[in-house]
């Protein structure tokens, strides 16, 4: 699933917005069931562990997502669901 991401240090982060839909994207349900993920940025792939950001982490990261893509603000206005932010810790080879 192609997603916009930001980096928090060495950790890629994504938003589970589903374009402002009232239901979470299926990939978020998969992560909740199994936190091991495989991500690809450009031609490079990594294995990693995904976790949903704490409220404190989300408060720090949400403005960075809005700055990167203003559409997230309008997506959020479409629903009462707060979009989780997923932080991925890359595994060493």
Foldseek 3Di string as FASTA:
>chain_A
DDFDWDDDDPKTKGKQLVQLDQDTDPVVVVCVVPQWDWDDDPHDIFIWGKDWDDPVVCVVCVVVVCVVPVSSVVSCVSYVDDITMMIIDTDDD
